[in-house]
Amino acid sequence: MNSTPERALPPRKIESLRILSFNVNNNYLLTESLLNSRVDDTNILFLQEPPWKTIRQAPSTVRHKGNDVVGAPLHPEWMTLVRPSDPKPRVMAYVHSRLSLLRPSLRFDLVNDRDVSTLSLHTPGGIPS
């Protein structure tokens, strides 16, 4: 058994960002298709009119059927960024997991509007880009 600690691989250098903005018109299947087909060539997906529906039922101590878990499609390679406490968001962003070291976050201090997503990425030195 090897007693040396495993070293994490250095992050892959990101030469460019590929961003796609798309109106999916509340189409769940189209959104799933985009997440699958753009996984290798896109870094950020901005969606207008994202689908928002009941995904599954969560156990509940009050309701026999359980509580509704509502949201947009999930994909293991994509992080979802959506405005909190929006009953049904008008815009949302998916950020590929290869950008996770840049700590993507939505910025509401710059533009606070249900129809606009402003995304911030932080460089390793801590300076937002």
N, C-alpha and C. Protein backbone atom coordinates (compact mmCIF):
# COMPACT_ATOMS: atom_id res chain seq x y z
N MET A 1 0.84 -1.17 0.00
CA MET A 1 0.00 0.00 0.00
C MET A 1 0.89 1.24 0.00
N ASN A 2 0.55 2.17 -0.83
CA ASN A 2 1.34 3.39 -0.96
C ASN A 2 1.00 4.34 0.18
N SER A 3 1.99 4.79 0.92
CA SER A 3 1.74 5.67 2.08
C SER A 3 1.85 7.15 1.73
N THR A 4 2.26 7.46 0.49
CA THR A 4 2.35 8.87 0.11
C THR A 4 0.96 9.40 -0.18
N PRO A 5 0.65 10.61 0.27
CA PRO A 5 -0.67 11.16 0.03
C PRO A 5 -0.88 11.43 -1.46
N GLU A 6 -2.13 11.24 -1.89
CA GLU A 6 -2.45 11.52 -3.30
C GLU A 6 -2.43 13.02 -3.51
N ARG A 7 -1.85 13.42 -4.63
CA ARG A 7 -1.82 14.84 -4.96
C ARG A 7 -2.86 15.13 -6.01
N ALA A 8 -3.57 16.20 -5.81
CA ALA A 8 -4.57 16.60 -6.79
C ALA A 8 -3.87 17.10 -8.04
N LEU A 9 -4.46 16.80 -9.17
CA LEU A 9 -3.92 17.29 -10.43
C LEU A 9 -4.12 18.80 -10.50
N PRO A 10 -3.18 19.53 -11.07
CA PRO A 10 -3.38 20.97 -11.20
C PRO A 10 -4.56 21.25 -12.11
N PRO A 11 -5.26 22.34 -11.87
CA PRO A 11 -6.40 22.65 -12.73
C PRO A 11 -5.96 22.86 -14.17
N ARG A 12 -6.79 22.40 -15.07
CA ARG A 12 -6.51 22.57 -16.49
C ARG A 12 -6.64 24.05 -16.85
N LYS A 13 -5.70 24.55 -17.62
CA LYS A 13 -5.73 25.95 -18.01
C LYS A 13 -6.92 26.20 -18.92
N ILE A 14 -7.65 27.24 -18.62
CA ILE A 14 -8.80 27.61 -19.43
C ILE A 14 -8.36 28.70 -20.38
N GLU A 15 -8.31 28.37 -21.63
CA GLU A 15 -7.83 29.30 -22.66
C GLU A 15 -8.91 30.29 -23.09
N SER A 16 -10.16 29.83 -23.08
CA SER A 16 -11.26 30.70 -23.50
C SER A 16 -12.55 30.21 -22.86
N LEU A 17 -13.55 31.06 -22.88
CA LEU A 17 -14.87 30.70 -22.38
C LEU A 17 -15.84 30.64 -23.55
N ARG A 18 -16.59 29.58 -23.60
CA ARG A 18 -17.62 29.45 -24.62
C ARG A 18 -18.96 29.55 -23.91
N ILE A 19 -19.73 30.55 -24.31
CA ILE A 19 -21.01 30.85 -23.66
C ILE A 19 -22.12 30.74 -24.68
N LEU A 20 -23.20 30.08 -24.29
CA LEU A 20 -24.37 29.94 -25.15
C LEU A 20 -25.57 30.52 -24.41
N SER A 21 -26.32 31.37 -25.09
CA SER A 21 -27.55 31.92 -24.53
C SER A 21 -28.69 31.45 -25.41
N PHE A 22 -29.73 30.92 -24.79
CA PHE A 22 -30.77 30.25 -25.56
C PHE A 22 -32.11 30.40 -24.86
N ASN A 23 -33.17 30.66 -25.64
CA ASN A 23 -34.53 30.64 -25.10
C ASN A 23 -35.08 29.25 -25.32
N VAL A 24 -35.29 28.51 -24.23
CA VAL A 24 -35.77 27.13 -24.35
C VAL A 24 -37.29 27.03 -24.24
N ASN A 25 -37.98 28.15 -24.06
CA ASN A 25 -39.44 28.21 -24.10
C ASN A 25 -40.08 27.15 -23.20
N ASN A 26 -39.58 27.02 -21.97
CA ASN A 26 -40.11 26.09 -20.96
C ASN A 26 -40.06 24.62 -21.39
N ASN A 27 -39.19 24.29 -22.34
CA ASN A 27 -39.12 22.94 -22.88
C ASN A 27 -38.09 22.11 -22.11
N TYR A 28 -38.58 21.19 -21.30
CA TYR A 28 -37.72 20.35 -20.45
C TYR A 28 -36.81 19.46 -21.29
N LEU A 29 -37.37 18.85 -22.33
CA LEU A 29 -36.60 17.95 -23.19
C LEU A 29 -35.49 18.69 -23.94
N LEU A 30 -35.78 19.89 -24.43
CA LEU A 30 -34.78 20.70 -25.12
C LEU A 30 -33.64 21.06 -24.16
N THR A 31 -33.98 21.41 -22.93
CA THR A 31 -32.96 21.76 -21.94
C THR A 31 -32.07 20.55 -21.64
N GLU A 32 -32.66 19.40 -21.43
CA GLU A 32 -31.86 18.18 -21.22
C GLU A 32 -30.96 17.90 -22.41
N SER A 33 -31.48 18.09 -23.61
CA SER A 33 -30.69 17.87 -24.82
C SER A 33 -29.51 18.83 -24.91
N LEU A 34 -29.73 20.10 -24.58
CA LEU A 34 -28.64 21.08 -24.58
C LEU A 34 -27.56 20.71 -23.56
N LEU A 35 -27.98 20.30 -22.37
CA LEU A 35 -27.02 19.92 -21.34
C LEU A 35 -26.16 18.74 -21.79
N ASN A 36 -26.77 17.79 -22.47
CA ASN A 36 -26.03 16.62 -22.95
C ASN A 36 -25.16 16.93 -24.16
N SER A 37 -25.68 17.69 -25.11
CA SER A 37 -24.96 17.92 -26.36
C SER A 37 -23.86 18.98 -26.24
N ARG A 38 -23.95 19.87 -25.27
CA ARG A 38 -22.97 20.95 -25.13
C ARG A 38 -21.97 20.73 -24.02
N VAL A 39 -21.95 19.53 -23.46
CA VAL A 39 -21.09 19.25 -22.32
C VAL A 39 -19.60 19.38 -22.66
N ASP A 40 -19.21 19.12 -23.90
CA ASP A 40 -17.79 19.16 -24.27
C ASP A 40 -17.33 20.48 -24.86
N ASP A 41 -18.25 21.30 -25.35
CA ASP A 41 -17.82 22.50 -26.08
C ASP A 41 -18.34 23.82 -25.52
N THR A 42 -19.04 23.78 -24.39
CA THR A 42 -19.60 25.01 -23.83
C THR A 42 -19.26 25.07 -22.35
N ASN A 43 -18.96 26.28 -21.86
CA ASN A 43 -18.64 26.47 -20.45
C ASN A 43 -19.83 26.99 -19.64
N ILE A 44 -20.61 27.88 -20.26
CA ILE A 44 -21.73 28.49 -19.56
C ILE A 44 -22.94 28.51 -20.49
N LEU A 45 -24.09 28.08 -19.96
CA LEU A 45 -25.36 28.15 -20.69
C LEU A 45 -26.26 29.13 -19.95
N PHE A 46 -26.67 30.19 -20.60
CA PHE A 46 -27.67 31.09 -20.05
C PHE A 46 -29.00 30.73 -20.72
N LEU A 47 -30.01 30.46 -19.91
CA LEU A 47 -31.31 30.08 -20.47
C LEU A 47 -32.37 31.10 -20.12
N GLN A 48 -33.17 31.41 -21.13
CA GLN A 48 -34.37 32.22 -20.93
C GLN A 48 -35.55 31.27 -20.93
N GLU A 49 -36.57 31.58 -20.14
CA GLU A 49 -37.76 30.76 -19.99
C GLU A 49 -37.41 29.30 -19.71
N PRO A 50 -36.62 29.05 -18.65
CA PRO A 50 -36.23 27.66 -18.35
C PRO A 50 -37.44 26.84 -17.89
N PRO A 51 -37.41 25.53 -18.15
CA PRO A 51 -38.50 24.69 -17.66
C PRO A 51 -38.44 24.57 -16.15
N TRP A 52 -39.57 24.51 -15.52
CA TRP A 52 -39.64 24.44 -14.06
C TRP A 52 -40.83 23.59 -13.73
N LYS A 53 -40.58 22.37 -13.25
CA LYS A 53 -41.69 21.48 -12.97
C LYS A 53 -41.35 20.57 -11.79
N THR A 54 -42.32 19.78 -11.37
CA THR A 54 -42.10 18.83 -10.30
C THR A 54 -41.19 17.72 -10.82
N ILE A 55 -40.06 17.53 -10.13
CA ILE A 55 -39.09 16.52 -10.53
C ILE A 55 -39.38 15.20 -9.83
N ARG A 56 -39.71 15.27 -8.54
CA ARG A 56 -39.99 14.07 -7.76
C ARG A 56 -40.72 14.47 -6.48
N GLN A 57 -41.06 13.48 -5.69
CA GLN A 57 -41.69 13.71 -4.39
C GLN A 57 -40.66 13.43 -3.30
N ALA A 58 -40.60 14.32 -2.32
CA ALA A 58 -39.71 14.14 -1.17
C ALA A 58 -40.54 13.64 0.01
N PRO A 59 -39.98 12.81 0.85
CA PRO A 59 -40.73 12.32 2.02
C PRO A 59 -41.22 13.48 2.88
N SER A 60 -42.40 13.30 3.45
CA SER A 60 -42.99 14.34 4.29
C SER A 60 -43.61 13.69 5.52
N THR A 61 -43.52 14.38 6.65
CA THR A 61 -44.17 13.89 7.86
C THR A 61 -45.64 14.32 7.91
N VAL A 62 -46.04 15.22 7.00
CA VAL A 62 -47.39 15.75 7.01
C VAL A 62 -48.24 15.17 5.88
N ARG A 63 -47.67 15.08 4.69
CA ARG A 63 -48.42 14.62 3.52
C ARG A 63 -48.02 13.20 3.15
N HIS A 64 -49.01 12.35 2.99
CA HIS A 64 -48.76 10.95 2.64
C HIS A 64 -48.05 10.84 1.29
N LYS A 65 -48.44 11.67 0.33
CA LYS A 65 -47.83 11.64 -1.01
C LYS A 65 -46.43 12.23 -1.02
N GLY A 66 -46.09 13.01 -0.01
CA GLY A 66 -44.80 13.68 0.04
C GLY A 66 -44.89 15.10 -0.46
N ASN A 67 -43.78 15.82 -0.41
CA ASN A 67 -43.73 17.20 -0.88
C ASN A 67 -43.12 17.24 -2.27
N ASP A 68 -43.62 18.17 -3.09
CA ASP A 68 -43.08 18.33 -4.44
C ASP A 68 -41.68 18.93 -4.39
N VAL A 69 -40.77 18.35 -5.16
CA VAL A 69 -39.45 18.93 -5.39
C VAL A 69 -39.51 19.49 -6.80
N VAL A 70 -39.43 20.82 -6.89
CA VAL A 70 -39.63 21.52 -8.16
C VAL A 70 -38.31 22.09 -8.64
N GLY A 71 -38.07 22.02 -9.95
CA GLY A 71 -36.85 22.60 -10.48
C GLY A 71 -36.67 22.33 -11.95
N ALA A 72 -35.49 22.66 -12.43
CA ALA A 72 -35.11 22.46 -13.82
C ALA A 72 -34.31 21.17 -13.93
N PRO A 73 -34.04 20.71 -15.15
CA PRO A 73 -33.25 19.49 -15.30
C PRO A 73 -31.88 19.62 -14.64
N LEU A 74 -31.40 18.52 -14.09
CA LEU A 74 -30.07 18.47 -13.49
C LEU A 74 -29.19 17.56 -14.34
N HIS A 75 -27.90 17.83 -14.31
CA HIS A 75 -26.93 17.04 -15.05
C HIS A 75 -25.66 16.98 -14.21
N PRO A 76 -25.00 15.83 -14.13
CA PRO A 76 -23.82 15.73 -13.25
C PRO A 76 -22.65 16.62 -13.65
N GLU A 77 -22.58 17.05 -14.90
CA GLU A 77 -21.47 17.90 -15.36
C GLU A 77 -21.76 19.39 -15.22
N TRP A 78 -22.98 19.76 -14.87
CA TRP A 78 -23.37 21.17 -14.84
C TRP A 78 -23.84 21.59 -13.45
N MET A 79 -23.43 22.78 -13.03
CA MET A 79 -23.93 23.41 -11.81
C MET A 79 -25.06 24.36 -12.22
N THR A 80 -26.12 24.39 -11.46
CA THR A 80 -27.21 25.31 -11.77
C THR A 80 -27.10 26.55 -10.89
N LEU A 81 -27.31 27.68 -11.51
CA LEU A 81 -27.35 28.96 -10.79
C LEU A 81 -28.67 29.63 -11.13
N VAL A 82 -29.46 29.83 -10.11
CA VAL A 82 -30.79 30.40 -10.32
C VAL A 82 -31.10 31.36 -9.18
N ARG A 83 -31.87 32.37 -9.48
CA ARG A 83 -32.26 33.37 -8.50
C ARG A 83 -33.01 32.70 -7.35
N PRO A 84 -32.57 32.88 -6.11
CA PRO A 84 -33.25 32.23 -4.99
C PRO A 84 -34.65 32.80 -4.76
N SER A 85 -35.49 31.96 -4.24
CA SER A 85 -36.87 32.30 -3.85
C SER A 85 -37.73 32.80 -5.01
N ASP A 86 -37.35 32.47 -6.22
CA ASP A 86 -38.20 32.78 -7.36
C ASP A 86 -39.17 31.62 -7.53
N PRO A 87 -40.48 31.88 -7.56
CA PRO A 87 -41.40 30.76 -7.70
C PRO A 87 -41.20 30.02 -9.03
N LYS A 88 -40.99 30.76 -10.08
CA LYS A 88 -40.68 30.16 -11.38
C LYS A 88 -39.73 31.12 -12.10
N PRO A 89 -38.45 30.79 -12.13
CA PRO A 89 -37.46 31.71 -12.70
C PRO A 89 -37.70 31.98 -14.18
N ARG A 90 -37.36 33.17 -14.59
CA ARG A 90 -37.44 33.54 -16.01
C ARG A 90 -36.11 33.33 -16.72
N VAL A 91 -35.02 33.33 -15.94
CA VAL A 91 -33.68 33.08 -16.48
C VAL A 91 -32.90 32.22 -15.48
N MET A 92 -31.93 31.49 -16.00
CA MET A 92 -31.04 30.72 -15.14
C MET A 92 -29.76 30.44 -15.91
N ALA A 93 -28.76 29.98 -15.19
CA ALA A 93 -27.48 29.66 -15.82
C ALA A 93 -27.04 28.27 -15.40
N TYR A 94 -26.42 27.58 -16.33
CA TYR A 94 -25.73 26.33 -16.05
C TYR A 94 -24.25 26.60 -16.30
N VAL A 95 -23.42 26.25 -15.33
CA VAL A 95 -21.97 26.43 -15.46
C VAL A 95 -21.33 25.05 -15.42
N HIS A 96 -20.48 24.78 -16.41
CA HIS A 96 -19.84 23.47 -16.45
C HIS A 96 -18.94 23.29 -15.23
N SER A 97 -18.87 22.07 -14.74
CA SER A 97 -18.11 21.79 -13.51
C SER A 97 -16.61 22.06 -13.67
N ARG A 98 -16.10 22.11 -14.91
CA ARG A 98 -14.67 22.41 -15.10
C ARG A 98 -14.34 23.84 -14.66
N LEU A 99 -15.36 24.69 -14.48
CA LEU A 99 -15.15 26.05 -13.99
C LEU A 99 -15.37 26.18 -12.48
N SER A 100 -15.56 25.07 -11.80
CA SER A 100 -15.90 25.14 -10.37
C SER A 100 -14.81 25.82 -9.54
N LEU A 101 -13.53 25.69 -9.95
CA LEU A 101 -12.46 26.36 -9.20
C LEU A 101 -12.54 27.88 -9.30
N LEU A 102 -13.29 28.39 -10.27
CA LEU A 102 -13.47 29.83 -10.41
C LEU A 102 -14.67 30.34 -9.58
N ARG A 103 -15.25 29.47 -8.79
CA ARG A 103 -16.37 29.79 -7.89
C ARG A 103 -17.43 30.67 -8.54
N PRO A 104 -18.12 30.15 -9.54
CA PRO A 104 -19.16 30.94 -10.20
C PRO A 104 -20.28 31.31 -9.22
N SER A 105 -20.77 32.53 -9.37
CA SER A 105 -21.88 32.97 -8.53
C SER A 105 -22.68 34.03 -9.27
N LEU A 106 -23.96 34.10 -8.93
CA LEU A 106 -24.81 35.15 -9.50
C LEU A 106 -24.60 36.43 -8.71
N ARG A 107 -24.66 37.55 -9.41
CA ARG A 107 -24.46 38.86 -8.78
C ARG A 107 -25.75 39.65 -8.84
N PHE A 108 -26.33 39.93 -7.68
CA PHE A 108 -27.55 40.72 -7.62
C PHE A 108 -27.26 42.17 -7.26
N ASP A 109 -26.01 42.46 -6.85
CA ASP A 109 -25.65 43.83 -6.51
C ASP A 109 -25.44 44.67 -7.77
N LEU A 110 -25.15 44.05 -8.90
CA LEU A 110 -24.94 44.79 -10.15
C LEU A 110 -26.25 45.02 -10.88
N VAL A 111 -27.03 43.97 -11.04
CA VAL A 111 -28.36 44.05 -11.67
C VAL A 111 -29.27 43.13 -10.90
N ASN A 112 -30.32 43.68 -10.33
CA ASN A 112 -31.26 42.89 -9.56
C ASN A 112 -32.59 42.87 -10.29
N ASP A 113 -32.70 41.95 -11.25
CA ASP A 113 -33.88 41.88 -12.10
C ASP A 113 -34.18 40.42 -12.41
N ARG A 114 -35.45 40.04 -12.41
CA ARG A 114 -35.83 38.65 -12.69
C ARG A 114 -35.51 38.22 -14.12
N ASP A 115 -35.28 39.16 -15.02
CA ASP A 115 -35.04 38.83 -16.43
C ASP A 115 -33.58 38.91 -16.83
N VAL A 116 -32.69 39.10 -15.85
CA VAL A 116 -31.26 39.25 -16.15
C VAL A 116 -30.44 38.39 -15.19
N SER A 117 -29.48 37.65 -15.75
CA SER A 117 -28.51 36.91 -14.93
C SER A 117 -27.15 37.54 -15.13
N THR A 118 -26.53 37.95 -14.03
CA THR A 118 -25.17 38.46 -14.07
C THR A 118 -24.31 37.47 -13.30
N LEU A 119 -23.31 36.92 -13.98
CA LEU A 119 -22.49 35.86 -13.42
C LEU A 119 -21.09 36.38 -13.14
N SER A 120 -20.54 35.96 -12.03
CA SER A 120 -19.19 36.34 -11.66
C SER A 120 -18.32 35.09 -11.54
N LEU A 121 -17.11 35.17 -12.06
CA LEU A 121 -16.11 34.13 -11.91
C LEU A 121 -14.91 34.75 -11.17
N HIS A 122 -14.31 34.02 -10.26
CA HIS A 122 -13.21 34.53 -9.46
C HIS A 122 -11.92 33.84 -9.87
N THR A 123 -10.91 34.65 -10.20
CA THR A 123 -9.63 34.09 -10.58
C THR A 123 -8.93 33.55 -9.35
N PRO A 124 -7.93 32.69 -9.51
CA PRO A 124 -7.24 32.12 -8.35
C PRO A 124 -6.70 33.17 -7.37
N GLY A 125 -6.38 34.36 -7.85
CA GLY A 125 -5.90 35.42 -6.98
C GLY A 125 -7.01 36.10 -6.22
N GLY A 126 -8.26 35.73 -6.48
CA GLY A 126 -9.39 36.30 -5.76
C GLY A 126 -10.01 37.48 -6.44
N ILE A 127 -9.51 37.87 -7.58
CA ILE A 127 -10.06 39.04 -8.28
C ILE A 127 -11.21 38.57 -9.17
N PRO A 128 -12.44 39.10 -8.97
CA PRO A 128 -13.56 38.70 -9.83
C PRO A 128 -13.29 39.08 -11.27
N SER A 129 -13.73 38.23 -12.16
CA SER A 129 -13.57 38.54 -13.59
C SER A 129 -14.92 38.52 -14.28
